[in-house]
Amino acid sequence: MRKILILLILYAAAYGGFRQTHIEVWEKDNQAYVIFPTGSLGKAMYYAWRPLTYADAALTGMRFHIGAHQ
């Protein structure tokens, strides 16, 4: 049980760290987005953290995007 709790804490902490270092405000709509990298790694991160992004969006209004806005 303790190992599962530690893994969940590490999972949430990794997301939190990534989120804080990858926020970008898009000029088109003046909204903040967490930008995930392009490619397979970015997609894997996006889907691995998807449950947390849903909660984050509901609580903070944050938006998410794979790759930079064009």
C-alpha atoms as a PDB file:
ATOM      1  CA  MET A   1       0.000   0.000   0.000  1.00  0.00           C
ATOM      2  CA  ARG A   2       2.809   2.395   0.857  1.00  0.00           C
ATOM      3  CA  LYS A   3       4.482   1.800  -2.527  1.00  0.00           C
ATOM      4  CA  ILE A   4       1.271   2.665  -4.353  1.00  0.00           C
ATOM      5  CA  LEU A   5       0.927   5.885  -2.363  1.00  0.00           C
ATOM      6  CA  ILE A   6       4.538   6.822  -3.133  1.00  0.00           C
ATOM      7  CA  LEU A   7       3.977   6.131  -6.847  1.00  0.00           C
ATOM      8  CA  LEU A   8       0.841   8.298  -6.874  1.00  0.00           C
ATOM      9  CA  ILE A   9       2.694  11.126  -5.149  1.00  0.00           C
ATOM     10  CA  LEU A  10       5.560  10.877  -7.658  1.00  0.00           C
ATOM     11  CA  TYR A  11       3.056  10.807 -10.553  1.00  0.00           C
ATOM     12  CA  ALA A  12       1.331  13.969  -9.314  1.00  0.00           C
ATOM     13  CA  ALA A  13       4.626  15.695  -8.493  1.00  0.00           C
ATOM     14  CA  ALA A  14       6.028  14.945 -11.957  1.00  0.00           C
ATOM     15  CA  TYR A  15       2.904  16.423 -13.537  1.00  0.00           C
ATOM     16  CA  GLY A  16       3.059  19.472 -11.268  1.00  0.00           C
ATOM     17  CA  GLY A  17       6.685  20.111 -12.121  1.00  0.00           C
ATOM     18  CA  PHE A  18       6.063  19.717 -15.832  1.00  0.00           C
ATOM     19  CA  ARG A  19       3.000  21.955 -15.669  1.00  0.00           C
ATOM     20  CA  GLN A  20       4.863  24.787 -13.956  1.00  0.00           C
ATOM     21  CA  THR A  21       7.698  24.764 -16.479  1.00  0.00           C
ATOM     22  CA  HIS A  22       5.659  24.425 -19.683  1.00  0.00           C
ATOM     23  CA  ILE A  23       2.977  27.129 -19.468  1.00  0.00           C
ATOM     24  CA  GLU A  24       2.570  29.466 -22.426  1.00  0.00           C
ATOM     25  CA  VAL A  25       0.037  32.243 -22.997  1.00  0.00           C
ATOM     26  CA  TRP A  26      -1.345  32.117 -26.507  1.00  0.00           C
ATOM     27  CA  GLU A  27      -1.689  35.615 -27.940  1.00  0.00           C
ATOM     28  CA  LYS A  28      -4.706  34.704 -30.057  1.00  0.00           C
ATOM     29  CA  ASP A  29      -6.999  34.064 -27.083  1.00  0.00           C
ATOM     30  CA  ASN A  30      -4.833  35.358 -24.199  1.00  0.00           C
ATOM     31  CA  GLN A  31      -5.292  32.036 -22.356  1.00  0.00           C
ATOM     32  CA  ALA A  32      -2.614  30.027 -20.551  1.00  0.00           C
ATOM     33  CA  TYR A  33      -1.848  26.558 -21.912  1.00  0.00           C
ATOM     34  CA  VAL A  34       0.365  23.722 -20.775  1.00  0.00           C
ATOM     35  CA  ILE A  35       2.325  22.848 -23.915  1.00  0.00           C
ATOM     36  CA  PHE A  36       3.320  19.216 -24.352  1.00  0.00           C
ATOM     37  CA  PRO A  37       6.198  18.399 -26.722  1.00  0.00           C
ATOM     38  CA  THR A  38       5.439  17.202 -30.232  1.00  0.00           C
ATOM     39  CA  GLY A  39       6.115  13.633 -31.214  1.00  0.00           C
ATOM     40  CA  SER A  40       5.526  10.324 -29.502  1.00  0.00           C
ATOM     41  CA  LEU A  41       7.024  11.399 -26.165  1.00  0.00           C
ATOM     42  CA  GLY A  42       4.718  14.406 -25.932  1.00  0.00           C
ATOM     43  CA  LYS A  43       1.679  12.333 -26.807  1.00  0.00           C
ATOM     44  CA  ALA A  44       2.646   9.681 -24.250  1.00  0.00           C
ATOM     45  CA  MET A  45       3.016  12.348 -21.556  1.00  0.00           C
ATOM     46  CA  TYR A  46      -0.265  13.963 -22.570  1.00  0.00           C
ATOM     47  CA  TYR A  47      -2.206  10.714 -22.283  1.00  0.00           C
ATOM     48  CA  ALA A  48      -0.373   9.462 -19.177  1.00  0.00           C
ATOM     49  CA  TRP A  49      -1.279  12.646 -17.317  1.00  0.00           C
ATOM     50  CA  ARG A  50      -4.752  12.960 -18.840  1.00  0.00           C
ATOM     51  CA  PRO A  51      -6.609  12.191 -15.574  1.00  0.00           C
ATOM     52  CA  LEU A  52      -4.699  14.999 -13.851  1.00  0.00           C
ATOM     53  CA  THR A  53      -5.245  17.421 -16.722  1.00  0.00           C
ATOM     54  CA  TYR A  54      -9.013  16.915 -16.462  1.00  0.00           C
ATOM     55  CA  ALA A  55      -8.885  17.761 -12.754  1.00  0.00           C
ATOM     56  CA  ASP A  56      -6.517  20.669 -13.403  1.00  0.00           C
ATOM     57  CA  ALA A  57      -8.807  22.100 -16.081  1.00  0.00           C
ATOM     58  CA  ALA A  58     -11.857  21.798 -13.844  1.00  0.00           C
ATOM     59  CA  LEU A  59     -10.139  23.429 -10.856  1.00  0.00           C
ATOM     60  CA  THR A  60      -8.013  26.102 -12.536  1.00  0.00           C
ATOM     61  CA  GLY A  61      -9.340  26.562 -16.072  1.00  0.00           C
ATOM     62  CA  MET A  62      -5.945  25.596 -17.505  1.00  0.00           C
ATOM     63  CA  ARG A  63      -5.868  24.467 -21.114  1.00  0.00           C
ATOM     64  CA  PHE A  64      -3.586  21.944 -22.794  1.00  0.00           C
ATOM     65  CA  HIS A  65      -1.997  21.560 -26.194  1.00  0.00           C
ATOM     66  CA  ILE A  66       0.438  19.187 -27.877  1.00  0.00           C
ATOM     67  CA  GLY A  67       3.049  21.250 -29.711  1.00  0.00           C
ATOM     68  CA  ALA A  68       3.395  24.990 -29.986  1.00  0.00           C
ATOM     69  CA  HIS A  69       0.487  27.099 -31.209  1.00  0.00           C
ATOM     70  CA  GLN A  70       0.754  28.300 -34.786  1.00  0.00           C
END
